[in-house]
N, C-alpha and C. Protein backbone atom coordinates (compact mmCIF):
# COMPACT_ATOMS: atom_id res chain seq x y z
N UNK A 1 -22.14 26.41 182.82
CA UNK A 1 -23.51 26.66 182.38
C UNK A 1 -24.44 25.58 182.92
N UNK A 2 -24.01 24.33 182.84
CA UNK A 2 -24.84 23.24 183.32
C UNK A 2 -25.00 23.30 184.84
N UNK A 3 -23.92 23.69 185.54
CA UNK A 3 -24.00 23.82 187.00
C UNK A 3 -24.99 24.90 187.39
N UNK A 4 -24.99 26.00 186.64
CA UNK A 4 -25.93 27.09 186.91
C UNK A 4 -27.37 26.63 186.71
N UNK A 5 -27.62 25.86 185.65
CA UNK A 5 -28.96 25.33 185.41
C UNK A 5 -29.39 24.39 186.53
N UNK A 6 -28.45 23.55 186.98
CA UNK A 6 -28.75 22.63 188.08
C UNK A 6 -29.08 23.41 189.35
N UNK A 7 -28.34 24.49 189.60
CA UNK A 7 -28.58 25.30 190.78
C UNK A 7 -29.97 25.95 190.71
N UNK A 8 -30.32 26.47 189.53
CA UNK A 8 -31.64 27.08 189.35
C UNK A 8 -32.74 26.05 189.52
N UNK A 9 -32.54 24.86 188.97
CA UNK A 9 -33.52 23.78 189.10
C UNK A 9 -33.72 23.45 190.56
N UNK A 10 -32.62 23.32 191.30
CA UNK A 10 -32.69 22.98 192.71
C UNK A 10 -33.44 24.07 193.49
N UNK A 11 -33.15 25.33 193.21
CA UNK A 11 -33.80 26.44 193.91
C UNK A 11 -35.30 26.46 193.64
N UNK A 12 -35.69 26.18 192.39
CA UNK A 12 -37.13 26.14 192.08
C UNK A 12 -37.82 25.02 192.84
N UNK A 13 -37.17 23.87 192.92
CA UNK A 13 -37.76 22.73 193.62
C UNK A 13 -37.89 22.99 195.12
N UNK A 14 -36.88 23.61 195.71
CA UNK A 14 -36.94 23.91 197.14
C UNK A 14 -38.05 24.91 197.41
N UNK A 15 -38.19 25.93 196.55
CA UNK A 15 -39.28 26.89 196.71
C UNK A 15 -40.64 26.20 196.62
N UNK A 16 -40.76 25.27 195.68
CA UNK A 16 -42.03 24.57 195.50
C UNK A 16 -42.37 23.70 196.71
N UNK A 17 -41.34 23.17 197.36
CA UNK A 17 -41.56 22.31 198.52
C UNK A 17 -41.49 23.05 199.85
N UNK A 18 -41.22 24.33 199.81
CA UNK A 18 -40.95 25.07 201.05
C UNK A 18 -42.08 24.99 202.07
N UNK A 19 -43.30 24.85 201.61
CA UNK A 19 -44.42 24.76 202.56
C UNK A 19 -44.41 23.44 203.33
N UNK A 20 -43.68 22.46 202.83
CA UNK A 20 -43.65 21.15 203.49
C UNK A 20 -42.32 20.88 204.21
N UNK A 21 -41.43 21.86 204.18
CA UNK A 21 -40.14 21.70 204.84
C UNK A 21 -40.13 22.47 206.15
N UNK A 22 -39.43 21.92 207.16
CA UNK A 22 -39.27 22.69 208.39
C UNK A 22 -38.03 23.56 208.28
N UNK A 23 -37.70 24.27 209.36
CA UNK A 23 -36.58 25.22 209.32
C UNK A 23 -35.24 24.56 209.02
N UNK A 24 -35.09 23.31 209.40
CA UNK A 24 -33.83 22.62 209.14
C UNK A 24 -33.78 21.97 207.75
N UNK A 25 -34.88 22.08 206.99
CA UNK A 25 -34.90 21.54 205.64
C UNK A 25 -35.41 20.11 205.55
N UNK A 26 -35.96 19.59 206.63
CA UNK A 26 -36.50 18.23 206.62
C UNK A 26 -37.93 18.24 206.08
N UNK A 27 -38.23 17.24 205.29
CA UNK A 27 -39.56 17.09 204.72
C UNK A 27 -40.40 16.25 205.67
N UNK A 28 -41.58 16.76 206.00
CA UNK A 28 -42.48 16.03 206.90
C UNK A 28 -43.76 15.69 206.15
N UNK A 29 -44.07 14.42 206.11
CA UNK A 29 -45.31 13.96 205.50
C UNK A 29 -46.14 13.27 206.56
N UNK A 30 -47.42 13.52 206.54
CA UNK A 30 -48.30 12.83 207.47
C UNK A 30 -49.64 12.63 206.79
N UNK A 31 -50.39 11.68 207.30
CA UNK A 31 -51.71 11.42 206.76
C UNK A 31 -52.58 10.89 207.89
N UNK A 32 -53.74 11.45 208.02
CA UNK A 32 -54.67 11.01 209.05
C UNK A 32 -56.03 10.68 208.44
N UNK A 33 -56.01 10.23 207.21
CA UNK A 33 -57.28 9.95 206.54
C UNK A 33 -57.93 8.66 207.02
N UNK A 34 -57.15 7.84 207.71
CA UNK A 34 -57.68 6.56 208.16
C UNK A 34 -57.34 6.37 209.64
N UNK A 35 -58.06 5.49 210.28
CA UNK A 35 -57.73 5.16 211.67
C UNK A 35 -56.65 4.09 211.72
N UNK A 36 -56.37 3.49 210.58
CA UNK A 36 -55.37 2.43 210.52
C UNK A 36 -53.98 3.04 210.28
N UNK A 37 -53.06 2.72 211.15
CA UNK A 37 -51.69 3.24 211.03
C UNK A 37 -51.04 2.75 209.74
N UNK A 38 -51.27 1.50 209.38
CA UNK A 38 -50.67 0.95 208.15
C UNK A 38 -51.18 1.68 206.91
N UNK A 39 -52.46 1.99 206.86
CA UNK A 39 -53.00 2.72 205.70
C UNK A 39 -52.40 4.12 205.64
N UNK A 40 -52.28 4.74 206.78
CA UNK A 40 -51.69 6.09 206.81
C UNK A 40 -50.22 6.06 206.36
N UNK A 41 -49.48 5.04 206.76
CA UNK A 41 -48.09 4.91 206.31
C UNK A 41 -48.04 4.72 204.80
N UNK A 42 -48.93 3.87 204.30
CA UNK A 42 -48.99 3.62 202.86
C UNK A 42 -49.31 4.90 202.10
N UNK A 43 -50.25 5.67 202.64
CA UNK A 43 -50.62 6.93 201.99
C UNK A 43 -49.46 7.92 202.02
N UNK A 44 -48.69 7.95 203.09
CA UNK A 44 -47.51 8.82 203.16
C UNK A 44 -46.46 8.40 202.13
N UNK A 45 -46.27 7.12 201.96
CA UNK A 45 -45.33 6.64 200.94
C UNK A 45 -45.82 7.01 199.55
N UNK A 46 -47.13 6.94 199.33
CA UNK A 46 -47.69 7.36 198.05
C UNK A 46 -47.46 8.85 197.81
N UNK A 47 -47.64 9.65 198.86
CA UNK A 47 -47.37 11.09 198.75
C UNK A 47 -45.92 11.35 198.40
N UNK A 48 -45.03 10.64 199.07
CA UNK A 48 -43.60 10.79 198.79
C UNK A 48 -43.29 10.41 197.35
N UNK A 49 -43.86 9.32 196.88
CA UNK A 49 -43.66 8.87 195.51
C UNK A 49 -44.12 9.94 194.52
N UNK A 50 -45.31 10.51 194.75
CA UNK A 50 -45.84 11.56 193.87
C UNK A 50 -44.94 12.80 193.88
N UNK A 51 -44.46 13.16 195.07
CA UNK A 51 -43.55 14.31 195.17
C UNK A 51 -42.27 14.06 194.37
N UNK A 52 -41.73 12.87 194.50
CA UNK A 52 -40.51 12.54 193.76
C UNK A 52 -40.74 12.59 192.26
N UNK A 53 -41.85 12.06 191.82
CA UNK A 53 -42.16 12.10 190.38
C UNK A 53 -42.32 13.54 189.91
N UNK A 54 -43.06 14.32 190.67
CA UNK A 54 -43.36 15.68 190.27
C UNK A 54 -42.11 16.56 190.25
N UNK A 55 -41.23 16.39 191.22
CA UNK A 55 -40.10 17.30 191.37
C UNK A 55 -38.78 16.78 190.81
N UNK A 56 -38.80 15.60 190.25
CA UNK A 56 -37.55 15.08 189.69
C UNK A 56 -37.50 15.19 188.17
N UNK A 57 -38.62 15.53 187.55
CA UNK A 57 -38.66 15.64 186.08
C UNK A 57 -37.97 16.92 185.63
N UNK A 58 -37.12 16.78 184.66
CA UNK A 58 -36.53 17.94 184.01
C UNK A 58 -36.76 17.79 182.52
N UNK A 59 -37.08 18.87 181.87
CA UNK A 59 -37.30 18.79 180.43
C UNK A 59 -35.95 18.57 179.74
N UNK A 60 -35.94 17.79 178.69
CA UNK A 60 -34.69 17.50 178.00
C UNK A 60 -34.13 18.74 177.30
N UNK A 61 -32.83 18.80 177.22
CA UNK A 61 -32.17 19.90 176.52
C UNK A 61 -32.44 19.76 175.02
N UNK A 62 -32.73 20.88 174.33
CA UNK A 62 -32.95 20.78 172.88
C UNK A 62 -31.66 20.39 172.15
N UNK A 63 -31.80 19.59 171.11
CA UNK A 63 -30.64 19.18 170.33
C UNK A 63 -30.25 20.31 169.38
N UNK A 64 -29.08 20.19 168.78
CA UNK A 64 -28.63 21.20 167.82
C UNK A 64 -29.59 21.30 166.64
N UNK A 65 -30.13 20.16 166.22
CA UNK A 65 -31.10 20.16 165.12
C UNK A 65 -32.34 20.95 165.49
N UNK A 66 -32.83 20.74 166.72
CA UNK A 66 -34.03 21.46 167.17
C UNK A 66 -33.76 22.96 167.28
N UNK A 67 -32.58 23.32 167.79
CA UNK A 67 -32.23 24.73 167.89
C UNK A 67 -32.12 25.37 166.51
N UNK A 68 -31.51 24.65 165.56
CA UNK A 68 -31.39 25.16 164.19
C UNK A 68 -32.78 25.32 163.56
N UNK A 69 -33.66 24.37 163.79
CA UNK A 69 -35.03 24.46 163.26
C UNK A 69 -35.75 25.66 163.85
N UNK A 70 -35.55 25.91 165.15
CA UNK A 70 -36.16 27.08 165.79
C UNK A 70 -35.66 28.37 165.16
N UNK A 71 -34.35 28.44 164.92
CA UNK A 71 -33.77 29.65 164.32
C UNK A 71 -34.32 29.85 162.91
N UNK A 72 -34.43 28.76 162.12
CA UNK A 72 -34.98 28.87 160.77
C UNK A 72 -36.43 29.35 160.81
N UNK A 73 -37.20 28.80 161.73
CA UNK A 73 -38.60 29.17 161.87
C UNK A 73 -38.74 30.65 162.24
N UNK A 74 -37.92 31.12 163.16
CA UNK A 74 -37.96 32.53 163.57
C UNK A 74 -37.54 33.44 162.42
N UNK A 75 -36.52 33.03 161.67
CA UNK A 75 -36.08 33.83 160.53
C UNK A 75 -37.18 33.91 159.47
N UNK A 76 -37.86 32.79 159.21
CA UNK A 76 -38.95 32.77 158.24
C UNK A 76 -40.11 33.64 158.72
N UNK A 77 -40.40 33.61 160.01
CA UNK A 77 -41.47 34.44 160.56
C UNK A 77 -41.16 35.92 160.39
N UNK A 78 -39.91 36.31 160.67
CA UNK A 78 -39.51 37.71 160.51
C UNK A 78 -39.56 38.13 159.05
N UNK A 79 -39.12 37.26 158.16
CA UNK A 79 -39.14 37.58 156.73
C UNK A 79 -40.57 37.74 156.23
N UNK A 80 -41.45 36.87 156.69
CA UNK A 80 -42.87 36.97 156.31
C UNK A 80 -43.45 38.28 156.81
N UNK A 81 -43.12 38.69 158.03
CA UNK A 81 -43.61 39.96 158.57
C UNK A 81 -43.11 41.13 157.73
N UNK A 82 -41.84 41.05 157.34
CA UNK A 82 -41.28 42.13 156.50
C UNK A 82 -42.03 42.22 155.18
N UNK A 83 -42.29 41.07 154.56
CA UNK A 83 -42.99 41.06 153.28
C UNK A 83 -44.40 41.62 153.41
N UNK A 84 -45.08 41.26 154.49
CA UNK A 84 -46.45 41.73 154.69
C UNK A 84 -46.51 43.22 155.00
N UNK A 85 -45.48 43.75 155.63
CA UNK A 85 -45.51 45.14 156.10
C UNK A 85 -44.62 46.08 155.28
N UNK A 86 -44.10 45.60 154.17
CA UNK A 86 -43.19 46.40 153.36
C UNK A 86 -43.86 47.69 152.86
N UNK A 87 -45.14 47.61 152.51
CA UNK A 87 -45.81 48.77 151.95
C UNK A 87 -46.40 49.70 153.02
N UNK A 88 -46.39 49.28 154.25
CA UNK A 88 -46.99 50.10 155.31
C UNK A 88 -46.08 51.27 155.66
N UNK A 89 -46.71 52.36 156.01
CA UNK A 89 -45.99 53.60 156.26
C UNK A 89 -44.96 53.46 157.38
N UNK A 90 -45.32 52.80 158.47
CA UNK A 90 -44.40 52.72 159.60
C UNK A 90 -43.19 51.85 159.29
N UNK A 91 -43.30 50.97 158.34
CA UNK A 91 -42.13 50.16 157.98
C UNK A 91 -41.23 50.94 157.01
N UNK A 92 -41.86 51.65 156.06
CA UNK A 92 -41.09 52.42 155.09
C UNK A 92 -40.29 53.53 155.76
N UNK A 93 -40.90 54.16 156.77
CA UNK A 93 -40.29 55.33 157.40
C UNK A 93 -39.78 55.01 158.80
N UNK A 94 -39.15 53.91 158.99
CA UNK A 94 -38.73 53.54 160.34
C UNK A 94 -37.65 54.48 160.89
N UNK A 95 -36.86 55.16 160.02
CA UNK A 95 -35.88 56.11 160.49
C UNK A 95 -36.52 57.46 160.84
N UNK A 96 -37.69 57.69 160.32
CA UNK A 96 -38.41 58.93 160.57
C UNK A 96 -39.87 58.58 160.91
N UNK A 97 -40.10 58.03 162.10
CA UNK A 97 -41.43 57.50 162.41
C UNK A 97 -42.54 58.53 162.47
N UNK A 98 -42.23 59.80 162.66
CA UNK A 98 -43.26 60.83 162.77
C UNK A 98 -43.49 61.60 161.47
N UNK A 99 -42.78 61.23 160.43
CA UNK A 99 -42.96 61.86 159.15
C UNK A 99 -42.45 63.31 159.09
N UNK A 100 -41.49 63.64 159.91
CA UNK A 100 -40.96 65.01 159.96
C UNK A 100 -39.82 65.21 159.00
């Protein structure tokens, strides 16, 4: 399961970067905002740093407590909906929705 998630994560990242990759999969960064070669190199390193930050973040896996809280919240939401709609015709006659 974890390997599948890693594979999906990798595929999403490659798709996101695909406009900056060549056919062999190499990433090319360039900058021509300045006439100074050193400034352009620095700007390319900054671009690389931003790309790494943007594409290396993964959201943390929810803990068992968080999953249990989500399930409780969903169950309470469904129960509240049932209570609110108990007297409505479409809830009472769900086996015979057309009243036949």
